[in-house]
Amino acid sequence: MDLISALESLEPELEAGLAQASSLEKLEELRIEFLGRKGRLAKLMSQLPSLDPAERPKFGQRANELKESCNARFDKVKDSLLAARERASLARFDSSTPGRKYWQGSLHPDTLIMEEICAIFEKLGFDIAQGPEVEIDHYNFEALNMPPEHPARDMQDTLYITDNILLRTHTSPVQVRTMLARKPPLAVVVPGKVYRRDSDLTHTHMFHQVEGLLVDKNISMAHLRGILTVFVRDVFGPSTEVRFRQSFFPFTEPSAEVDISCFLCGGVGHIDNEPCRVCKGTGWVEVLGCGMVDPAVFEAVNYPKDVSGFAFGLGVERIAMLKYGIGDLRMFFENDLRFLQQF
């Protein structure tokens, strides 16, 4: 069969194939077979140089006409198949079926509480500071009055990358970095992730803290008590009582633990003659630690001796657990939507 005859035979064969194309997938296979880069028409066109020069224009013109005609046929059949698919889809659609509400996400409870805490301190004049989660030993311990072999390090045994590089155990290193970069007066709060080697109902290897630092001249425990009283009453309610208990932290002296009157039992220690499950019958709940900045910390950052300041630190999950009555810290990180959708 000569090339012209082979070219003319393509059209009836294509018509027969189009009549049997029952889906868009079959139609595409047929298009590739006839009009693809390696299809039957392309193979015939590749033999054009073998024709007599006088026959080439006629063959080329007919091949182009056939290509345009085939494309038009394909488009017509494709439109028909698409319309049939849409009709079938509409036939399955039941307009009386109730619609489904779009799922709406929300911020994680840790984020909600952290933003609430930071907003309170911003209103009190504190700036927000950030720093690296991977720290060097100097900023994480030594500049905070915890030299090597200091017993306080045992409470914060953590996740080390090298002998000198670790995942920070608190956000206090950011306070050191801030003091090295800024001269007093300054007031900052530092939110972020911290890491320790813990895992139980009330501890996880990763959790969130917000720590605060205020440095100026003539700062006293009275300023610290006033700031923290405003904070806890903003979070837990205006009738919340505040109690300071003597404690120890290497980077503050004197140091204190801050308790608040139990929000569940109202500070009486019992409900219906049964011990309160939150305060265990004491009427008080611990919420954070604080104290006056140790002079050794100021010395490490070359601050003048005539300044004083206070620092405090709290666990974000701890505040959330108390505020929302959550019994297991690990629930914050299990990604259970039933828990997360409650906030």
Protein backbone atom coordinates (compact mmCIF):
# COMPACT_ATOMS: atom_id res chain seq x y z
CA MET A 1 0.00 0.00 0.00
CA ASP A 2 1.40 3.43 -0.99
CA LEU A 3 1.61 6.28 1.49
CA ILE A 4 -1.44 8.14 0.16
CA SER A 5 -3.61 5.03 0.47
CA ALA A 6 -2.26 4.34 3.97
CA LEU A 7 -3.05 7.92 4.91
CA GLU A 8 -6.62 7.69 3.60
CA SER A 9 -7.23 4.42 5.51
CA LEU A 10 -6.58 6.11 8.84
CA GLU A 11 -9.85 8.05 8.84
CA PRO A 12 -12.31 5.10 8.73
CA GLU A 13 -10.20 3.19 11.26
CA LEU A 14 -10.31 6.20 13.59
CA GLU A 15 -14.09 6.46 13.17
CA ALA A 16 -14.45 2.81 14.15
CA GLY A 17 -12.24 3.35 17.21
CA LEU A 18 -14.14 6.46 18.31
CA ALA A 19 -17.42 4.58 18.12
CA GLN A 20 -16.09 2.06 20.65
CA ALA A 21 -14.44 4.60 23.02
CA SER A 22 -16.61 4.30 26.13
CA SER A 23 -14.46 6.33 28.54
CA LEU A 24 -12.07 9.24 28.62
CA GLU A 25 -9.22 6.84 29.36
CA LYS A 26 -9.97 4.77 26.25
CA LEU A 27 -10.31 7.95 24.19
CA GLU A 28 -6.87 9.14 25.32
CA GLU A 29 -5.32 5.78 24.38
CA LEU A 30 -6.88 6.09 20.93
CA ARG A 31 -5.61 9.64 20.49
CA ILE A 32 -2.06 8.57 21.35
CA GLU A 33 -2.29 5.65 18.93
CA PHE A 34 -3.31 7.85 16.00
CA LEU A 35 -2.04 11.36 16.76
CA GLY A 36 0.69 10.89 19.37
CA ARG A 37 4.34 11.82 18.75
CA LYS A 38 4.99 8.20 17.87
CA GLY A 39 1.49 7.51 16.55
CA ARG A 40 0.41 6.17 13.19
CA LEU A 41 0.06 9.57 11.51
CA ALA A 42 3.51 10.64 12.73
CA LYS A 43 5.05 7.44 11.34
CA LEU A 44 3.51 8.10 7.92
CA MET A 45 4.74 11.71 7.99
CA SER A 46 8.25 10.49 8.74
CA GLN A 47 8.27 8.74 5.34
CA LEU A 48 7.59 11.98 3.45
CA PRO A 49 11.20 12.24 2.16
CA SER A 50 10.78 8.90 0.35
CA LEU A 51 8.01 10.29 -1.90
CA ASP A 52 8.57 11.73 -5.32
CA PRO A 53 9.11 15.52 -4.95
CA ALA A 54 6.01 16.16 -7.06
CA GLU A 55 3.81 14.14 -4.66
CA ARG A 56 5.09 15.64 -1.42
CA PRO A 57 2.90 18.81 -1.40
CA LYS A 58 -0.26 16.78 -2.01
CA PHE A 59 0.65 14.29 0.74
CA GLY A 60 1.59 17.02 3.22
CA GLN A 61 -1.63 18.95 2.58
CA ARG A 62 -3.77 15.85 3.00
CA ALA A 63 -1.93 14.84 6.20
CA ASN A 64 -2.56 18.27 7.75
CA GLU A 65 -6.24 18.17 6.77
CA LEU A 66 -6.55 14.71 8.28
CA LYS A 67 -4.85 15.81 11.50
CA GLU A 68 -7.22 18.75 11.93
CA SER A 69 -10.22 16.56 11.15
CA CYS A 70 -9.12 13.89 13.65
CA ASN A 71 -8.55 16.47 16.39
CA ALA A 72 -12.03 17.86 15.84
CA ARG A 73 -13.51 14.37 16.08
CA PHE A 74 -11.60 13.67 19.30
CA ASP A 75 -12.79 16.95 20.86
CA LYS A 76 -16.39 16.17 19.95
CA VAL A 77 -16.28 12.71 21.49
CA LYS A 78 -14.45 14.04 24.58
CA ASP A 79 -17.13 16.70 25.15
CA SER A 80 -19.79 14.03 24.85
CA LEU A 81 -18.08 11.77 27.39
CA LEU A 82 -17.59 14.65 29.84
CA ALA A 83 -21.25 15.60 29.57
CA ALA A 84 -22.27 11.99 30.21
CA ARG A 85 -20.02 11.85 33.29
CA GLU A 86 -21.55 15.04 34.66
CA ARG A 87 -25.09 13.75 34.08
CA ALA A 88 -24.22 10.53 35.91
CA SER A 89 -22.74 12.52 38.80
CA LEU A 90 -25.83 14.71 39.06
CA ALA A 91 -28.04 11.63 39.00
CA ARG A 92 -26.25 10.34 42.11
CA PHE A 93 -26.53 13.69 43.92
CA ASP A 94 -29.29 13.90 46.52
CA SER A 95 -30.10 17.55 47.13
CA SER A 96 -32.10 16.62 50.25
CA THR A 97 -29.00 15.24 52.03
CA PRO A 98 -27.95 17.57 54.90
CA GLY A 99 -24.67 19.37 54.28
CA ARG A 100 -21.55 18.71 56.31
CA LYS A 101 -20.03 21.55 58.30
CA TYR A 102 -16.47 22.38 57.37
CA TRP A 103 -13.94 21.29 60.02
CA GLN A 104 -12.40 24.29 61.70
CA GLY A 105 -9.01 24.13 63.36
CA SER A 106 -7.88 26.12 66.37
CA LEU A 107 -4.69 26.98 68.19
CA HIS A 108 -3.12 24.33 70.41
CA PRO A 109 -3.89 24.82 74.15
CA ASP A 110 -0.18 25.40 74.79
CA THR A 111 -0.21 28.23 72.25
CA LEU A 112 -3.40 29.70 73.70
CA ILE A 113 -2.02 29.77 77.25
CA MET A 114 1.41 31.02 76.15
CA GLU A 115 -0.15 33.89 74.19
CA GLU A 116 -2.39 34.74 77.15
CA ILE A 117 0.57 34.80 79.55
CA CYS A 118 2.71 36.92 77.21
CA ALA A 119 -0.16 39.35 76.63
CA ILE A 120 -0.53 39.93 80.37
CA PHE A 121 3.16 40.72 80.81
CA GLU A 122 3.21 42.90 77.70
CA LYS A 123 0.50 45.02 79.32
CA LEU A 124 2.83 45.33 82.32
CA GLY A 125 5.63 46.69 80.13
CA PHE A 126 7.64 43.53 79.37
CA ASP A 127 9.13 42.83 75.96
CA ILE A 128 9.05 39.37 74.31
CA ALA A 129 12.48 37.79 73.77
CA GLN A 130 13.42 34.63 71.83
CA GLY A 131 16.54 32.50 71.64
CA PRO A 132 17.95 29.20 70.39
CA GLU A 133 16.67 25.86 71.68
CA VAL A 134 20.10 24.28 71.13
CA GLU A 135 22.40 25.96 73.64
CA ILE A 136 25.97 25.88 74.85
CA ASP A 137 26.71 24.89 78.43
CA HIS A 138 27.94 28.37 79.35
CA TYR A 139 24.62 30.11 78.70
CA ASN A 140 22.45 27.26 79.98
CA PHE A 141 24.34 26.64 83.25
CA GLU A 142 27.58 28.46 84.00
CA ALA A 143 26.39 32.04 83.40
CA LEU A 144 23.41 31.20 85.65
CA ASN A 145 25.63 30.39 88.63
CA MET A 146 25.72 26.64 87.95
CA PRO A 147 29.36 25.71 87.30
CA PRO A 148 30.37 22.13 86.39
CA GLU A 149 29.57 19.57 89.13
CA HIS A 150 27.05 21.95 90.76
CA PRO A 151 24.39 19.73 92.40
CA ALA A 152 21.55 21.81 90.93
CA ARG A 153 22.46 20.42 87.51
CA ASP A 154 21.20 17.00 88.61
CA MET A 155 17.63 18.36 88.62
CA GLN A 156 18.03 19.44 85.01
CA ASP A 157 19.97 16.51 83.56
CA THR A 158 19.07 16.87 79.93
CA LEU A 159 19.61 15.87 76.31
CA TYR A 160 23.21 16.52 75.25
CA ILE A 161 24.39 16.81 71.66
CA THR A 162 28.08 17.08 72.60
CA ASP A 163 29.83 17.62 75.94
CA ASN A 164 29.31 21.36 75.54
CA ILE A 165 26.12 21.60 73.47
CA LEU A 166 22.68 20.59 74.74
CA LEU A 167 18.97 21.16 74.32
CA ARG A 168 18.18 23.99 76.71
CA THR A 169 16.64 22.97 80.04
CA HIS A 170 14.93 26.32 80.61
CA THR A 171 14.50 29.59 78.74
CA SER A 172 16.86 31.34 81.19
CA PRO A 173 19.76 31.30 78.66
CA VAL A 174 17.76 33.85 76.64
CA GLN A 175 17.81 36.12 79.70
CA VAL A 176 21.61 35.89 79.73
CA ARG A 177 21.80 36.60 76.00
CA THR A 178 19.42 39.55 76.41
CA MET A 179 21.50 41.06 79.23
CA LEU A 180 24.66 40.69 77.16
CA ALA A 181 22.97 42.52 74.28
CA ARG A 182 21.13 45.20 76.28
CA LYS A 183 21.98 47.43 79.19
CA PRO A 184 19.54 48.02 82.08
CA PRO A 185 16.81 48.95 82.59
CA LEU A 186 15.09 46.04 80.87
CA ALA A 187 12.02 43.87 81.33
CA VAL A 188 11.54 40.76 79.17
CA VAL A 189 9.54 37.55 79.14
CA VAL A 190 10.86 34.52 77.28
CA PRO A 191 8.41 31.90 76.00
CA GLY A 192 9.49 28.68 74.31
CA LYS A 193 10.23 24.96 74.35
CA VAL A 194 12.60 23.41 76.87
CA TYR A 195 13.92 19.87 77.28
CA ARG A 196 14.63 17.59 80.24
CA ARG A 197 15.03 13.87 80.78
CA ASP A 198 11.59 13.30 82.35
CA SER A 199 8.46 11.35 81.47
CA ASP A 200 5.45 10.72 83.72
CA LEU A 201 1.99 12.12 84.47
CA THR A 202 3.36 15.56 85.30
CA HIS A 203 6.62 15.62 83.30
CA THR A 204 7.59 15.18 79.66
CA HIS A 205 10.96 15.35 77.95
CA MET A 206 9.77 18.48 76.12
CA PHE A 207 7.50 21.16 77.53
CA HIS A 208 6.99 24.94 77.39
CA GLN A 209 8.08 27.68 79.74
CA VAL A 210 7.63 31.40 80.09
CA GLU A 211 10.36 33.06 82.13
CA GLY A 212 10.61 36.71 83.05
CA LEU A 213 13.37 39.13 84.01
CA LEU A 214 13.27 42.72 85.20
CA VAL A 215 16.45 44.68 85.94
CA ASP A 216 16.75 48.28 87.10
CA LYS A 217 17.94 50.24 90.12
CA ASN A 218 16.24 49.69 93.51
CA ILE A 219 14.17 46.67 92.45
CA SER A 220 12.92 44.64 95.43
CA MET A 221 10.83 41.60 96.34
CA ALA A 222 7.89 43.97 96.73
CA HIS A 223 8.01 44.70 92.98
CA LEU A 224 8.20 40.98 92.27
CA ARG A 225 5.22 40.20 94.49
CA GLY A 226 3.16 42.97 92.93
CA ILE A 227 3.86 41.86 89.34
CA LEU A 228 3.14 38.19 90.05
CA THR A 229 -0.03 38.98 92.01
CA VAL A 230 -1.39 40.91 89.04
CA PHE A 231 -0.45 38.01 86.77
CA VAL A 232 -2.09 35.16 88.75
CA ARG A 233 -5.27 37.17 89.36
CA ASP A 234 -5.51 37.95 85.66
CA VAL A 235 -5.23 34.23 84.83
CA PHE A 236 -7.17 32.60 87.68
CA GLY A 237 -9.54 35.34 88.82
CA PRO A 238 -9.46 38.53 90.93
CA SER A 239 -10.18 36.75 94.22
CA THR A 240 -7.09 34.50 93.98
CA GLU A 241 -4.80 34.68 97.01
CA VAL A 242 -1.02 34.54 96.58
CA ARG A 243 1.53 32.97 98.92
CA PHE A 244 5.34 33.03 98.70
CA ARG A 245 7.34 30.14 100.20
CA GLN A 246 11.08 30.13 100.71
CA SER A 247 12.91 27.98 98.15
CA PHE A 248 16.23 27.63 96.34
CA PHE A 249 17.32 28.37 92.77
CA PRO A 250 21.01 28.77 91.85
CA PHE A 251 20.43 31.97 89.89
CA THR A 252 18.23 33.84 92.42
CA GLU A 253 18.76 34.82 96.06
CA PRO A 254 16.47 35.00 97.92
CA SER A 255 14.24 32.54 96.06
CA ALA A 256 10.59 31.59 96.47
CA GLU A 257 7.89 29.27 95.24
CA VAL A 258 4.59 30.97 94.49
CA ASP A 259 1.34 29.29 95.52
CA ILE A 260 -2.18 30.40 94.75
CA SER A 261 -5.36 29.64 96.63
CA CYS A 262 -7.01 26.60 95.07
CA PHE A 263 -9.46 27.73 92.41
CA LEU A 264 -11.52 24.52 92.69
CA CYS A 265 -12.27 24.49 96.44
CA GLY A 266 -11.78 28.21 96.99
CA GLY A 267 -8.79 27.65 99.24
CA VAL A 268 -10.64 25.71 101.96
CA GLY A 269 -9.07 22.35 101.03
CA HIS A 270 -12.24 20.33 100.73
CA ILE A 271 -15.46 19.97 98.72
CA ASP A 272 -18.52 18.40 100.38
CA ASN A 273 -16.34 17.17 103.25
CA GLU A 274 -14.01 15.41 100.82
CA PRO A 275 -10.36 16.48 100.25
CA CYS A 276 -10.00 18.64 97.14
CA ARG A 277 -8.43 16.63 94.31
CA VAL A 278 -6.48 19.65 93.02
CA CYS A 279 -4.82 20.97 96.19
CA LYS A 280 -4.92 17.63 98.06
CA GLY A 281 -6.60 19.28 101.03
CA THR A 282 -4.03 22.04 101.56
CA GLY A 283 -5.99 24.87 99.99
CA TRP A 284 -2.91 25.97 97.99
CA VAL A 285 -1.51 25.10 94.56
CA GLU A 286 2.05 25.78 93.41
CA VAL A 287 2.27 27.68 90.11
CA LEU A 288 5.79 29.08 89.62
CA GLY A 289 9.25 29.84 91.03
CA CYS A 290 10.90 33.23 91.38
CA GLY A 291 13.46 35.30 93.23
CA MET A 292 15.89 38.20 93.17
CA VAL A 293 18.65 37.78 90.59
CA ASP A 294 21.85 36.51 92.19
CA PRO A 295 24.76 39.01 91.95
CA ALA A 296 26.86 36.23 90.37
CA VAL A 297 24.54 36.31 87.33
CA PHE A 298 24.97 40.07 86.95
CA GLU A 299 28.72 39.60 87.25
CA ALA A 300 28.68 37.01 84.44
CA VAL A 301 27.10 39.56 82.06
CA ASN A 302 29.19 42.54 83.27
CA TYR A 303 26.25 44.46 84.71
CA PRO A 304 27.03 47.29 87.14
CA LYS A 305 26.84 46.52 90.86
CA ASP A 306 24.23 49.19 91.56
CA VAL A 307 21.43 47.35 89.71
CA SER A 308 19.06 44.73 91.05
CA GLY A 309 16.33 42.67 89.53
CA PHE A 310 14.00 39.73 89.80
CA ALA A 311 13.32 36.65 87.67
CA PHE A 312 10.52 34.12 87.55
CA GLY A 313 9.64 31.04 85.58
CA LEU A 314 6.50 28.99 85.02
CA GLY A 315 5.47 25.93 83.05
CA VAL A 316 2.88 26.68 80.39
CA GLU A 317 1.37 23.19 80.61
CA ARG A 318 1.22 23.53 84.40
CA ILE A 319 -0.90 26.67 84.09
CA ALA A 320 -3.12 25.00 81.47
CA MET A 321 -3.58 21.89 83.62
CA LEU A 322 -4.66 23.98 86.58
CA LYS A 323 -6.88 26.30 84.59
CA TYR A 324 -8.67 23.58 82.61
CA GLY A 325 -8.49 20.68 85.10
CA ILE A 326 -6.28 18.42 82.96
CA GLY A 327 -4.87 15.43 84.82
CA ASP A 328 -2.13 14.15 82.50
CA LEU A 329 0.55 16.36 80.98
CA ARG A 330 1.17 13.88 78.16
CA MET A 331 -2.26 14.61 76.68
CA PHE A 332 -0.91 17.89 75.31
CA PHE A 333 1.41 16.03 72.93
CA GLU A 334 -0.58 12.93 71.90
CA ASN A 335 -2.41 14.74 69.04
CA ASP A 336 -5.75 13.29 70.09
CA LEU A 337 -8.39 15.44 68.37
CA ARG A 338 -10.95 14.61 71.06
CA PHE A 339 -8.71 16.42 73.55
CA LEU A 340 -7.59 19.26 71.29
CA GLN A 341 -11.11 20.13 70.09
CA GLN A 342 -12.17 21.00 73.64
CA PHE A 343 -10.25 24.28 73.52
